[in-house]
Amino acid sequence: MDTVALAVTDGMLHFELSLAHEVFASAPEGITGPWYDVAVCGPDPVRVERFQLVPDHGLDQLPFAGTVIVPGWADVDQDPPADLVDAVRAAHDAGARVASLCTGAFVLAAAGLLDGKTATTHWAHTRALADRYPRVCVDPDVLYVDNGSVLTSAGKAAAMDLCLHLVRLDRGSATANAVARRLVVPPHRDGGQAQFVTAPVPAPGRHPLSALLSWAIERLDQPLTVEDLARQAGMSARHLGRHFRAVTGTTPLQWLLTQRIRYAQELLETTDDSVETIATATGMGTATTLRRHFGRTVGVPPDTYRRTFRARTRQDPAGPDGTALTG
């Protein structure tokens, strides 16, 4: 997964392309060892809105990448180029993980990669995606959808969420958080959060919950309740719930559980603490409670997650077969 190919062609959106390049092309400070090898693949040259781009490789090199990113497609009323669709399909058939950002989902759908799967795109275009590709189950409400080898995101800020999610899968929560700090963005928003919220990317000091969220994160080792949060915020529990939904797209308890799980992931990745110790540090109380919520959220038990993460970080950066993009 260490080779990331950005698939570009005329008609791409520059924001999502630049965003993906920012995430995968530069390692955050303090990260040792090899980082991602990023290649821009497309015909030569490419017109990306008002900019002209000279790719590193042709689209025929996509199948040699571990991950292929398809940025937003500008005109969703127009079919994406056949050579792009064919190259993306070939990359997936060759074993690449394929992710679309924003309206890049139309390219994945045209390639047949979303048939029978749940997917998302920018909320303004979910109806068009569902109408044109009826075999795709389009969810208009979520930030991103992870189907394993095929992932899709909503628009703009959600594209960043998906890119950070990919880094988290590959390198762990601590590294994803380091990337987020470098880019000055929130380190994690669940894919299941709502697309359309009042403040999709909360900024410190700019919404009623900014001080409360920081206060709660510093006290994850404590058994906080909605009443505790409401008391700290100086509002009723019902009023707090409305603010949480507007700012984060989720409920106070679900947000709190997500922070506890992500903190547990980071501790499993970076320490040798026992599951019991981590349960205490994350406010889960007991190892049994942590295992139940962790398994339901992450999909594997904490011990398995730790072993899998550490085994993955010890793998040859070039991948098990040593393949990489060729010029």
C-alpha atoms as a PDB file:
ATOM      1  CA  MET A   1       0.000   0.000   0.000  1.00  0.00           C
ATOM      2  CA  ASP A   2       3.043   2.313   0.117  1.00  0.00           C
ATOM      3  CA  THR A   3       2.777   3.380  -3.526  1.00  0.00           C
ATOM      4  CA  VAL A   4      -0.041   5.888  -4.028  1.00  0.00           C
ATOM      5  CA  ALA A   5      -1.063   6.787  -7.575  1.00  0.00           C
ATOM      6  CA  LEU A   6      -3.192   9.869  -8.216  1.00  0.00           C
ATOM      7  CA  ALA A   7      -5.246   9.178 -11.346  1.00  0.00           C
ATOM      8  CA  VAL A   8      -5.744  12.399 -13.303  1.00  0.00           C
ATOM      9  CA  THR A   9      -7.205  13.461 -16.609  1.00  0.00           C
ATOM     10  CA  ASP A  10      -8.784  16.549 -18.139  1.00  0.00           C
ATOM     11  CA  GLY A  11     -11.807  17.620 -16.120  1.00  0.00           C
ATOM     12  CA  MET A  12     -10.493  16.773 -12.653  1.00  0.00           C
ATOM     13  CA  LEU A  13     -10.981  19.123  -9.694  1.00  0.00           C
ATOM     14  CA  HIS A  14      -7.730  20.596  -8.400  1.00  0.00           C
ATOM     15  CA  PHE A  15      -8.750  20.862  -4.724  1.00  0.00           C
ATOM     16  CA  GLU A  16      -9.133  17.126  -4.119  1.00  0.00           C
ATOM     17  CA  LEU A  17      -6.024  16.357  -6.184  1.00  0.00           C
ATOM     18  CA  SER A  18      -3.919  18.844  -4.197  1.00  0.00           C
ATOM     19  CA  LEU A  19      -5.362  17.622  -0.905  1.00  0.00           C
ATOM     20  CA  ALA A  20      -4.423  13.998  -1.595  1.00  0.00           C
ATOM     21  CA  HIS A  21      -0.946  15.037  -2.679  1.00  0.00           C
ATOM     22  CA  GLU A  22      -0.480  17.019   0.552  1.00  0.00           C
ATOM     23  CA  VAL A  23      -1.464  14.035   2.710  1.00  0.00           C
ATOM     24  CA  PHE A  24       0.548  11.320   0.968  1.00  0.00           C
ATOM     25  CA  ALA A  25       3.558  13.115  -0.513  1.00  0.00           C
ATOM     26  CA  SER A  26       5.138  14.547   2.654  1.00  0.00           C
ATOM     27  CA  ALA A  27       5.845  12.685   5.887  1.00  0.00           C
ATOM     28  CA  PRO A  28       4.980  14.579   9.078  1.00  0.00           C
ATOM     29  CA  GLU A  29       7.827  15.688  11.303  1.00  0.00           C
ATOM     30  CA  GLY A  30       9.117  12.998  13.631  1.00  0.00           C
ATOM     31  CA  ILE A  31       8.032  10.053  11.484  1.00  0.00           C
ATOM     32  CA  THR A  32      10.949   7.752  10.805  1.00  0.00           C
ATOM     33  CA  GLY A  33      11.309   5.207   8.044  1.00  0.00           C
ATOM     34  CA  PRO A  34       9.999   5.319   4.465  1.00  0.00           C
ATOM     35  CA  TRP A  35       6.849   7.255   3.640  1.00  0.00           C
ATOM     36  CA  TYR A  36       4.470   6.853   0.704  1.00  0.00           C
ATOM     37  CA  ASP A  37       5.829   6.912  -2.835  1.00  0.00           C
ATOM     38  CA  VAL A  38       3.399   9.199  -4.698  1.00  0.00           C
ATOM     39  CA  ALA A  39       3.014   9.235  -8.478  1.00  0.00           C
ATOM     40  CA  VAL A  40       0.683  11.330 -10.626  1.00  0.00           C
ATOM     41  CA  CYS A  41      -0.622   9.207 -13.498  1.00  0.00           C
ATOM     42  CA  GLY A  42      -2.459  10.500 -16.543  1.00  0.00           C
ATOM     43  CA  PRO A  43      -2.191  11.601 -20.159  1.00  0.00           C
ATOM     44  CA  ASP A  44       0.349  14.306 -20.946  1.00  0.00           C
ATOM     45  CA  PRO A  45      -0.456  17.119 -20.298  1.00  0.00           C
ATOM     46  CA  VAL A  46      -3.607  17.390 -18.175  1.00  0.00           C
ATOM     47  CA  ARG A  47      -5.826  20.429 -17.774  1.00  0.00           C
ATOM     48  CA  VAL A  48      -7.044  20.569 -14.150  1.00  0.00           C
ATOM     49  CA  GLU A  49      -9.459  23.488 -14.053  1.00  0.00           C
ATOM     50  CA  ARG A  50      -7.219  26.569 -14.628  1.00  0.00           C
ATOM     51  CA  PHE A  51      -3.980  24.651 -14.127  1.00  0.00           C
ATOM     52  CA  GLN A  52      -1.910  22.529 -16.462  1.00  0.00           C
ATOM     53  CA  LEU A  53      -0.316  19.422 -14.993  1.00  0.00           C
ATOM     54  CA  VAL A  54       2.443  17.174 -16.327  1.00  0.00           C
ATOM     55  CA  PRO A  55       1.969  13.630 -14.891  1.00  0.00           C
ATOM     56  CA  ASP A  56       4.842  11.368 -13.844  1.00  0.00           C
ATOM     57  CA  HIS A  57       3.432   8.318 -15.624  1.00  0.00           C
ATOM     58  CA  GLY A  58       0.651   7.277 -17.953  1.00  0.00           C
ATOM     59  CA  LEU A  59      -2.617   5.748 -16.790  1.00  0.00           C
ATOM     60  CA  ASP A  60      -1.256   2.339 -17.768  1.00  0.00           C
ATOM     61  CA  GLN A  61       0.882   2.436 -14.604  1.00  0.00           C
ATOM     62  CA  LEU A  62      -2.099   2.459 -12.190  1.00  0.00           C
ATOM     63  CA  PRO A  63      -2.113  -1.359 -11.796  1.00  0.00           C
ATOM     64  CA  PHE A  64       1.385  -1.176 -10.272  1.00  0.00           C
ATOM     65  CA  ALA A  65       0.214   0.987  -7.342  1.00  0.00           C
ATOM     66  CA  GLY A  66      -0.895  -0.233  -3.956  1.00  0.00           C
ATOM     67  CA  THR A  67      -3.473   2.555  -3.650  1.00  0.00           C
ATOM     68  CA  VAL A  68      -5.150   4.519  -6.441  1.00  0.00           C
ATOM     69  CA  ILE A  69      -6.812   7.849  -5.628  1.00  0.00           C
ATOM     70  CA  VAL A  70      -9.394   9.244  -8.067  1.00  0.00           C
ATOM     71  CA  PRO A  71      -9.988  12.955  -7.357  1.00  0.00           C
ATOM     72  CA  GLY A  72     -13.242  14.796  -8.001  1.00  0.00           C
ATOM     73  CA  TRP A  73     -14.705  14.785 -11.508  1.00  0.00           C
ATOM     74  CA  ALA A  74     -15.845  18.283 -12.546  1.00  0.00           C
ATOM     75  CA  ASP A  75     -18.777  17.582 -14.902  1.00  0.00           C
ATOM     76  CA  VAL A  76     -20.892  14.755 -13.485  1.00  0.00           C
ATOM     77  CA  ASP A  77     -23.320  15.076 -16.420  1.00  0.00           C
ATOM     78  CA  GLN A  78     -20.558  13.890 -18.745  1.00  0.00           C
ATOM     79  CA  ASP A  79     -19.222  10.349 -18.890  1.00  0.00           C
ATOM     80  CA  PRO A  80     -15.642  10.116 -17.590  1.00  0.00           C
ATOM     81  CA  PRO A  81     -12.994   9.230 -20.214  1.00  0.00           C
ATOM     82  CA  ALA A  82     -12.950   5.563 -21.174  1.00  0.00           C
ATOM     83  CA  ASP A  83      -9.169   5.279 -20.743  1.00  0.00           C
ATOM     84  CA  LEU A  84      -9.445   6.512 -17.140  1.00  0.00           C
ATOM     85  CA  VAL A  85     -12.317   4.142 -16.367  1.00  0.00           C
ATOM     86  CA  ASP A  86     -10.462   1.186 -17.915  1.00  0.00           C
ATOM     87  CA  ALA A  87      -7.240   2.010 -16.040  1.00  0.00           C
ATOM     88  CA  VAL A  88      -9.013   2.292 -12.686  1.00  0.00           C
ATOM     89  CA  ARG A  89     -10.777  -1.034 -13.287  1.00  0.00           C
ATOM     90  CA  ALA A  90      -7.488  -2.675 -14.254  1.00  0.00           C
ATOM     91  CA  ALA A  91      -5.811  -1.348 -11.110  1.00  0.00           C
ATOM     92  CA  HIS A  92      -8.530  -2.814  -8.920  1.00  0.00           C
ATOM     93  CA  ASP A  93      -8.365  -6.130 -10.766  1.00  0.00           C
ATOM     94  CA  ALA A  94      -4.604  -6.143 -10.123  1.00  0.00           C
ATOM     95  CA  GLY A  95      -5.204  -5.829  -6.377  1.00  0.00           C
ATOM     96  CA  ALA A  96      -4.943  -2.075  -5.809  1.00  0.00           C
ATOM     97  CA  ARG A  97      -7.017  -0.348  -3.172  1.00  0.00           C
ATOM     98  CA  VAL A  98      -9.081   2.270  -5.028  1.00  0.00           C
ATOM     99  CA  ALA A  99     -10.488   5.384  -3.360  1.00  0.00           C
ATOM    100  CA  SER A 100     -12.507   8.208  -4.866  1.00  0.00           C
ATOM    101  CA  LEU A 101     -12.725  11.738  -3.510  1.00  0.00           C
ATOM    102  CA  CYS A 102     -15.953  13.684  -3.922  1.00  0.00           C
ATOM    103  CA  THR A 103     -17.398  13.149  -7.428  1.00  0.00           C
ATOM    104  CA  GLY A 104     -14.578  10.764  -8.311  1.00  0.00           C
ATOM    105  CA  ALA A 105     -17.188   8.181  -7.292  1.00  0.00           C
ATOM    106  CA  PHE A 106     -18.703   8.572 -10.788  1.00  0.00           C
ATOM    107  CA  VAL A 107     -15.469   7.158 -12.232  1.00  0.00           C
ATOM    108  CA  LEU A 108     -15.545   4.176  -9.857  1.00  0.00           C
ATOM    109  CA  ALA A 109     -19.208   3.578 -10.651  1.00  0.00           C
ATOM    110  CA  ALA A 110     -18.523   3.708 -14.400  1.00  0.00           C
ATOM    111  CA  ALA A 111     -15.802   1.099 -13.848  1.00  0.00           C
ATOM    112  CA  GLY A 112     -18.306  -1.179 -12.110  1.00  0.00           C
ATOM    113  CA  LEU A 113     -16.385  -1.102  -8.826  1.00  0.00           C
ATOM    114  CA  LEU A 114     -19.386   0.117  -6.839  1.00  0.00           C
ATOM    115  CA  ASP A 115     -21.942  -2.406  -8.115  1.00  0.00           C
ATOM    116  CA  GLY A 116     -23.698  -3.988  -5.132  1.00  0.00           C
ATOM    117  CA  LYS A 117     -21.799  -1.762  -2.691  1.00  0.00           C
ATOM    118  CA  THR A 118     -22.668   1.210  -0.534  1.00  0.00           C
ATOM    119  CA  ALA A 119     -20.987   4.422  -1.700  1.00  0.00           C
ATOM    120  CA  THR A 120     -21.199   8.149  -1.254  1.00  0.00           C
ATOM    121  CA  THR A 121     -20.261  11.361  -3.016  1.00  0.00           C
ATOM    122  CA  HIS A 122     -20.883  15.078  -2.521  1.00  0.00           C
ATOM    123  CA  TRP A 123     -24.434  15.450  -1.205  1.00  0.00           C
ATOM    124  CA  ALA A 124     -25.402  17.672  -4.155  1.00  0.00           C
ATOM    125  CA  HIS A 125     -24.700  14.814  -6.589  1.00  0.00           C
ATOM    126  CA  THR A 126     -25.908  11.727  -4.700  1.00  0.00           C
ATOM    127  CA  ARG A 127     -29.228  11.694  -6.594  1.00  0.00           C
ATOM    128  CA  ALA A 128     -27.441  11.820  -9.951  1.00  0.00           C
ATOM    129  CA  LEU A 129     -25.106   8.982  -8.915  1.00  0.00           C
ATOM    130  CA  ALA A 130     -28.015   6.816  -7.755  1.00  0.00           C
ATOM    131  CA  ASP A 131     -30.091   7.504 -10.885  1.00  0.00           C
ATOM    132  CA  ARG A 132     -27.264   6.810 -13.316  1.00  0.00           C
ATOM    133  CA  TYR A 133     -25.931   3.731 -11.524  1.00  0.00           C
ATOM    134  CA  PRO A 134     -28.923   1.920  -9.952  1.00  0.00           C
ATOM    135  CA  ARG A 135     -26.776  -1.044  -8.850  1.00  0.00           C
ATOM    136  CA  VAL A 136     -24.946   1.256  -6.421  1.00  0.00           C
ATOM    137  CA  CYS A 137     -26.437   1.805  -2.964  1.00  0.00           C
ATOM    138  CA  VAL A 138     -25.810   5.539  -2.520  1.00  0.00           C
ATOM    139  CA  ASP A 139     -25.758   6.889   1.037  1.00  0.00           C
ATOM    140  CA  PRO A 140     -26.149  10.693   0.904  1.00  0.00           C
ATOM    141  CA  ASP A 141     -25.597  11.243   4.624  1.00  0.00           C
ATOM    142  CA  VAL A 142     -22.118   9.931   5.432  1.00  0.00           C
ATOM    143  CA  LEU A 143     -18.628  11.414   5.124  1.00  0.00           C
ATOM    144  CA  TYR A 144     -17.030   8.339   3.591  1.00  0.00           C
ATOM    145  CA  VAL A 145     -17.624   4.626   3.022  1.00  0.00           C
ATOM    146  CA  ASP A 146     -14.933   1.955   3.427  1.00  0.00           C
ATOM    147  CA  ASN A 147     -15.659  -1.272   1.538  1.00  0.00           C
ATOM    148  CA  GLY A 148     -12.151  -2.608   2.037  1.00  0.00           C
ATOM    149  CA  SER A 149     -10.603  -2.437  -1.420  1.00  0.00           C
ATOM    150  CA  VAL A 150     -12.989   0.287  -2.614  1.00  0.00           C
ATOM    151  CA  LEU A 151     -13.614   3.528  -0.724  1.00  0.00           C
ATOM    152  CA  THR A 152     -15.613   6.654  -1.529  1.00  0.00           C
ATOM    153  CA  SER A 153     -15.862  10.039   0.159  1.00  0.00           C
ATOM    154  CA  ALA A 154     -18.193  13.002   0.161  1.00  0.00           C
ATOM    155  CA  GLY A 155     -16.965  16.413  -0.953  1.00  0.00           C
ATOM    156  CA  LYS A 156     -14.080  18.693  -0.019  1.00  0.00           C
ATOM    157  CA  ALA A 157     -13.438  18.355   3.743  1.00  0.00           C
ATOM    158  CA  ALA A 158     -14.683  14.754   3.708  1.00  0.00           C
ATOM    159  CA  ALA A 159     -11.986  13.958   1.148  1.00  0.00           C
ATOM    160  CA  MET A 160      -9.450  14.897   3.822  1.00  0.00           C
ATOM    161  CA  ASP A 161     -11.239  12.624   6.284  1.00  0.00           C
ATOM    162  CA  LEU A 162     -10.924   9.688   3.896  1.00  0.00           C
ATOM    163  CA  CYS A 163      -7.238  10.367   3.188  1.00  0.00           C
ATOM    164  CA  LEU A 164      -6.499  10.489   6.922  1.00  0.00           C
ATOM    165  CA  HIS A 165      -8.516   7.279   7.330  1.00  0.00           C
ATOM    166  CA  LEU A 166      -6.237   5.588   4.778  1.00  0.00           C
ATOM    167  CA  VAL A 167      -3.133   6.781   6.627  1.00  0.00           C
ATOM    168  CA  ARG A 168      -4.652   5.491   9.867  1.00  0.00           C
ATOM    169  CA  LEU A 169      -5.274   2.080   8.301  1.00  0.00           C
ATOM    170  CA  ASP A 170      -1.718   1.899   6.954  1.00  0.00           C
ATOM    171  CA  ARG A 171       0.344   3.625   9.650  1.00  0.00           C
ATOM    172  CA  GLY A 172      -1.863   3.837  12.730  1.00  0.00           C
ATOM    173  CA  SER A 173      -3.685   6.544  14.670  1.00  0.00           C
ATOM    174  CA  ALA A 174      -0.559   8.256  16.001  1.00  0.00           C
ATOM    175  CA  THR A 175       0.795   8.851  12.484  1.00  0.00           C
ATOM    176  CA  ALA A 176      -2.597   9.968  11.134  1.00  0.00           C
ATOM    177  CA  ASN A 177      -2.836  12.423  14.024  1.00  0.00           C
ATOM    178  CA  ALA A 178       0.646  13.728  13.184  1.00  0.00           C
ATOM    179  CA  VAL A 179      -0.427  14.308   9.565  1.00  0.00           C
ATOM    180  CA  ALA A 180      -3.553  16.117  10.781  1.00  0.00           C
ATOM    181  CA  ARG A 181      -1.475  18.353  13.049  1.00  0.00           C
ATOM    182  CA  ARG A 182       0.827  19.246  10.149  1.00  0.00           C
ATOM    183  CA  LEU A 183      -2.151  20.189   8.000  1.00  0.00           C
ATOM    184  CA  VAL A 184      -3.993  21.879  10.913  1.00  0.00           C
ATOM    185  CA  VAL A 185      -7.157  19.803  10.507  1.00  0.00           C
ATOM    186  CA  PRO A 186      -9.184  17.682  12.957  1.00  0.00           C
ATOM    187  CA  PRO A 187      -7.453  14.302  13.385  1.00  0.00           C
ATOM    188  CA  HIS A 188     -10.560  12.164  12.992  1.00  0.00           C
ATOM    189  CA  ARG A 189     -14.168  12.303  11.941  1.00  0.00           C
ATOM    190  CA  ASP A 190     -16.020   9.018  11.633  1.00  0.00           C
ATOM    191  CA  GLY A 191     -17.115   8.058   8.148  1.00  0.00           C
ATOM    192  CA  GLY A 192     -20.629   7.622   9.487  1.00  0.00           C
ATOM    193  CA  GLN A 193     -20.968  11.242  10.554  1.00  0.00           C
ATOM    194  CA  ALA A 194     -23.458  13.364   8.663  1.00  0.00           C
ATOM    195  CA  GLN A 195     -22.250  15.252   5.583  1.00  0.00           C
ATOM    196  CA  PHE A 196     -24.358  18.323   6.121  1.00  0.00           C
ATOM    197  CA  VAL A 197     -23.743  19.789   9.569  1.00  0.00           C
ATOM    198  CA  THR A 198     -23.557  23.378  10.750  1.00  0.00           C
ATOM    199  CA  ALA A 199     -19.797  23.262  11.340  1.00  0.00           C
ATOM    200  CA  PRO A 200     -18.339  20.326   9.351  1.00  0.00           C
ATOM    201  CA  VAL A 201     -14.799  21.151  10.528  1.00  0.00           C
ATOM    202  CA  PRO A 202     -15.067  22.677  14.025  1.00  0.00           C
ATOM    203  CA  ALA A 203     -12.391  25.279  14.686  1.00  0.00           C
ATOM    204  CA  PRO A 204     -11.220  26.142  18.212  1.00  0.00           C
ATOM    205  CA  GLY A 205     -13.129  29.059  19.660  1.00  0.00           C
ATOM    206  CA  ARG A 206     -15.625  29.250  16.778  1.00  0.00           C
ATOM    207  CA  HIS A 207     -18.514  27.152  18.045  1.00  0.00           C
ATOM    208  CA  PRO A 208     -20.267  26.654  21.408  1.00  0.00           C
ATOM    209  CA  LEU A 209     -18.591  23.286  22.061  1.00  0.00           C
ATOM    210  CA  SER A 210     -14.941  24.099  21.280  1.00  0.00           C
ATOM    211  CA  ALA A 211     -13.886  24.376  24.931  1.00  0.00           C
ATOM    212  CA  LEU A 212     -16.036  21.400  25.933  1.00  0.00           C
ATOM    213  CA  LEU A 213     -14.551  19.027  23.332  1.00  0.00           C
ATOM    214  CA  SER A 214     -11.014  19.831  24.466  1.00  0.00           C
ATOM    215  CA  TRP A 215     -12.064  19.460  28.103  1.00  0.00           C
ATOM    216  CA  ALA A 216     -13.579  16.019  27.432  1.00  0.00           C
ATOM    217  CA  ILE A 217     -10.603  14.741  25.418  1.00  0.00           C
ATOM    218  CA  GLU A 218      -8.301  15.597  28.320  1.00  0.00           C
ATOM    219  CA  ARG A 219     -10.509  13.476  30.625  1.00  0.00           C
ATOM    220  CA  LEU A 220     -11.078  10.321  28.610  1.00  0.00           C
ATOM    221  CA  ASP A 221      -9.889   8.267  31.574  1.00  0.00           C
ATOM    222  CA  GLN A 222     -12.969   9.378  33.503  1.00  0.00           C
ATOM    223  CA  PRO A 223     -16.491   7.886  33.200  1.00  0.00           C
ATOM    224  CA  LEU A 224     -18.072  11.004  31.677  1.00  0.00           C
ATOM    225  CA  THR A 225     -21.823  11.145  31.129  1.00  0.00           C
ATOM    226  CA  VAL A 226     -24.042  13.431  29.066  1.00  0.00           C
ATOM    227  CA  GLU A 227     -24.964  15.182  32.303  1.00  0.00           C
ATOM    228  CA  ASP A 228     -21.269  15.784  33.056  1.00  0.00           C
ATOM    229  CA  LEU A 229     -20.781  17.295  29.621  1.00  0.00           C
ATOM    230  CA  ALA A 230     -23.911  19.417  29.882  1.00  0.00           C
ATOM    231  CA  ARG A 231     -22.880  20.709  33.320  1.00  0.00           C
ATOM    232  CA  GLN A 232     -19.425  21.656  32.029  1.00  0.00           C
ATOM    233  CA  ALA A 233     -20.972  23.392  28.994  1.00  0.00           C
ATOM    234  CA  GLY A 234     -23.503  25.220  31.168  1.00  0.00           C
ATOM    235  CA  MET A 235     -26.542  23.991  29.272  1.00  0.00           C
ATOM    236  CA  SER A 236     -29.249  21.356  29.547  1.00  0.00           C
ATOM    237  CA  ALA A 237     -28.650  17.833  28.266  1.00  0.00           C
ATOM    238  CA  ARG A 238     -31.259  18.339  25.531  1.00  0.00           C
ATOM    239  CA  HIS A 239     -29.702  21.639  24.436  1.00  0.00           C
ATOM    240  CA  LEU A 240     -26.267  19.994  24.448  1.00  0.00           C
ATOM    241  CA  GLY A 241     -27.554  17.203  22.229  1.00  0.00           C
ATOM    242  CA  ARG A 242     -28.821  19.701  19.655  1.00  0.00           C
ATOM    243  CA  HIS A 243     -25.477  21.534  19.627  1.00  0.00           C
ATOM    244  CA  PHE A 244     -23.554  18.250  19.284  1.00  0.00           C
ATOM    245  CA  ARG A 245     -25.657  17.168  16.337  1.00  0.00           C
ATOM    246  CA  ALA A 246     -25.196  20.537  14.631  1.00  0.00           C
ATOM    247  CA  VAL A 247     -21.429  20.725  15.217  1.00  0.00           C
ATOM    248  CA  THR A 248     -20.276  17.098  14.946  1.00  0.00           C
ATOM    249  CA  GLY A 249     -23.134  15.329  13.182  1.00  0.00           C
ATOM    250  CA  THR A 250     -23.456  12.787  15.987  1.00  0.00           C
ATOM    251  CA  THR A 251     -24.592  12.428  19.621  1.00  0.00           C
ATOM    252  CA  PRO A 252     -22.500  13.279  22.703  1.00  0.00           C
ATOM    253  CA  LEU A 253     -22.170   9.638  23.779  1.00  0.00           C
ATOM    254  CA  GLN A 254     -21.275   8.404  20.295  1.00  0.00           C
ATOM    255  CA  TRP A 255     -18.683  11.158  19.931  1.00  0.00           C
ATOM    256  CA  LEU A 256     -17.231  10.285  23.328  1.00  0.00           C
ATOM    257  CA  LEU A 257     -17.094   6.576  22.492  1.00  0.00           C
ATOM    258  CA  THR A 258     -15.306   7.361  19.214  1.00  0.00           C
ATOM    259  CA  GLN A 259     -12.649   9.389  21.064  1.00  0.00           C
ATOM    260  CA  ARG A 260     -12.130   6.547  23.562  1.00  0.00           C
ATOM    261  CA  ILE A 261     -11.747   3.962  20.793  1.00  0.00           C
ATOM    262  CA  ARG A 262      -9.283   6.122  18.842  1.00  0.00           C
ATOM    263  CA  TYR A 263      -7.241   6.767  21.972  1.00  0.00           C
ATOM    264  CA  ALA A 264      -7.227   3.014  22.661  1.00  0.00           C
ATOM    265  CA  GLN A 265      -5.936   2.413  19.122  1.00  0.00           C
ATOM    266  CA  GLU A 266      -3.111   4.876  19.662  1.00  0.00           C
ATOM    267  CA  LEU A 267      -2.130   3.251  22.963  1.00  0.00           C
ATOM    268  CA  LEU A 268      -2.210  -0.221  21.389  1.00  0.00           C
ATOM    269  CA  GLU A 269       0.051   1.030  18.606  1.00  0.00           C
ATOM    270  CA  THR A 270       2.547   2.987  20.696  1.00  0.00           C
ATOM    271  CA  THR A 271       2.754   1.220  24.071  1.00  0.00           C
ATOM    272  CA  ASP A 272       3.016  -2.268  25.529  1.00  0.00           C
ATOM    273  CA  ASP A 273       0.321  -1.510  28.118  1.00  0.00           C
ATOM    274  CA  SER A 274      -2.063  -4.349  28.860  1.00  0.00           C
ATOM    275  CA  VAL A 275      -5.657  -4.230  27.643  1.00  0.00           C
ATOM    276  CA  GLU A 276      -6.724  -3.752  31.267  1.00  0.00           C
ATOM    277  CA  THR A 277      -4.456  -0.714  31.629  1.00  0.00           C
ATOM    278  CA  ILE A 278      -5.689   0.755  28.348  1.00  0.00           C
ATOM    279  CA  ALA A 279      -9.303   0.178  29.401  1.00  0.00           C
ATOM    280  CA  THR A 280      -8.642   2.302  32.484  1.00  0.00           C
ATOM    281  CA  ALA A 281      -6.763   4.987  30.545  1.00  0.00           C
ATOM    282  CA  THR A 282      -9.587   5.352  28.017  1.00  0.00           C
ATOM    283  CA  GLY A 283     -12.414   5.398  30.560  1.00  0.00           C
ATOM    284  CA  MET A 284     -13.813   2.043  29.481  1.00  0.00           C
ATOM    285  CA  GLY A 285     -13.512   0.710  33.019  1.00  0.00           C
ATOM    286  CA  THR A 286     -12.832  -2.956  32.300  1.00  0.00           C
ATOM    287  CA  ALA A 287     -11.035  -4.961  29.647  1.00  0.00           C
ATOM    288  CA  THR A 288     -14.338  -6.702  28.854  1.00  0.00           C
ATOM    289  CA  THR A 289     -16.045  -3.390  28.078  1.00  0.00           C
ATOM    290  CA  LEU A 290     -13.129  -2.226  25.956  1.00  0.00           C
ATOM    291  CA  ARG A 291     -13.039  -5.486  24.007  1.00  0.00           C
ATOM    292  CA  ARG A 292     -16.788  -5.320  23.331  1.00  0.00           C
ATOM    293  CA  HIS A 293     -16.810  -1.724  22.040  1.00  0.00           C
ATOM    294  CA  PHE A 294     -13.455  -2.022  20.272  1.00  0.00           C
ATOM    295  CA  GLY A 295     -14.472  -5.176  18.406  1.00  0.00           C
ATOM    296  CA  ARG A 296     -17.807  -3.667  17.385  1.00  0.00           C
ATOM    297  CA  THR A 297     -16.190  -0.433  16.143  1.00  0.00           C
ATOM    298  CA  VAL A 298     -12.862  -1.573  14.680  1.00  0.00           C
ATOM    299  CA  GLY A 299     -13.866  -5.092  13.679  1.00  0.00           C
ATOM    300  CA  VAL A 300     -11.185  -7.010  15.595  1.00  0.00           C
ATOM    301  CA  PRO A 301     -10.287  -7.434  19.307  1.00  0.00           C
ATOM    302  CA  PRO A 302      -7.637  -5.114  20.817  1.00  0.00           C
ATOM    303  CA  ASP A 303      -4.956  -7.835  21.002  1.00  0.00           C
ATOM    304  CA  THR A 304      -5.484  -8.765  17.354  1.00  0.00           C
ATOM    305  CA  TYR A 305      -5.361  -5.110  16.359  1.00  0.00           C
ATOM    306  CA  ARG A 306      -2.029  -4.651  18.136  1.00  0.00           C
ATOM    307  CA  ARG A 307      -0.484  -7.749  16.537  1.00  0.00           C
ATOM    308  CA  THR A 308      -1.787  -6.866  13.078  1.00  0.00           C
ATOM    309  CA  PHE A 309      -0.622  -3.263  13.310  1.00  0.00           C
ATOM    310  CA  ARG A 310       2.865  -4.191  14.442  1.00  0.00           C
ATOM    311  CA  ALA A 311       3.191  -6.936  11.849  1.00  0.00           C
ATOM    312  CA  ARG A 312       2.134  -4.482   9.145  1.00  0.00           C
ATOM    313  CA  THR A 313       4.646  -1.836  10.217  1.00  0.00           C
ATOM    314  CA  ARG A 314       7.444  -4.428  10.038  1.00  0.00           C
ATOM    315  CA  GLN A 315       6.613  -5.387   6.447  1.00  0.00           C
ATOM    316  CA  ASP A 316       8.854  -4.488   3.536  1.00  0.00           C
ATOM    317  CA  PRO A 317       7.794  -0.957   2.493  1.00  0.00           C
ATOM    318  CA  ALA A 318       7.761  -2.037  -1.128  1.00  0.00           C
ATOM    319  CA  GLY A 319       5.079  -4.597  -0.339  1.00  0.00           C
ATOM    320  CA  PRO A 320       5.134  -8.385  -0.141  1.00  0.00           C
ATOM    321  CA  ASP A 321       6.021  -8.782  -3.806  1.00  0.00           C
ATOM    322  CA  GLY A 322       8.288  -5.741  -4.058  1.00  0.00           C
ATOM    323  CA  THR A 323       6.207  -4.178  -6.829  1.00  0.00           C
ATOM    324  CA  ALA A 324       6.268  -0.446  -7.436  1.00  0.00           C
ATOM    325  CA  LEU A 325       5.465   1.933 -10.226  1.00  0.00           C
ATOM    326  CA  THR A 326       7.761   1.683 -13.199  1.00  0.00           C
ATOM    327  CA  GLY A 327       8.589   4.532 -15.558  1.00  0.00           C
END
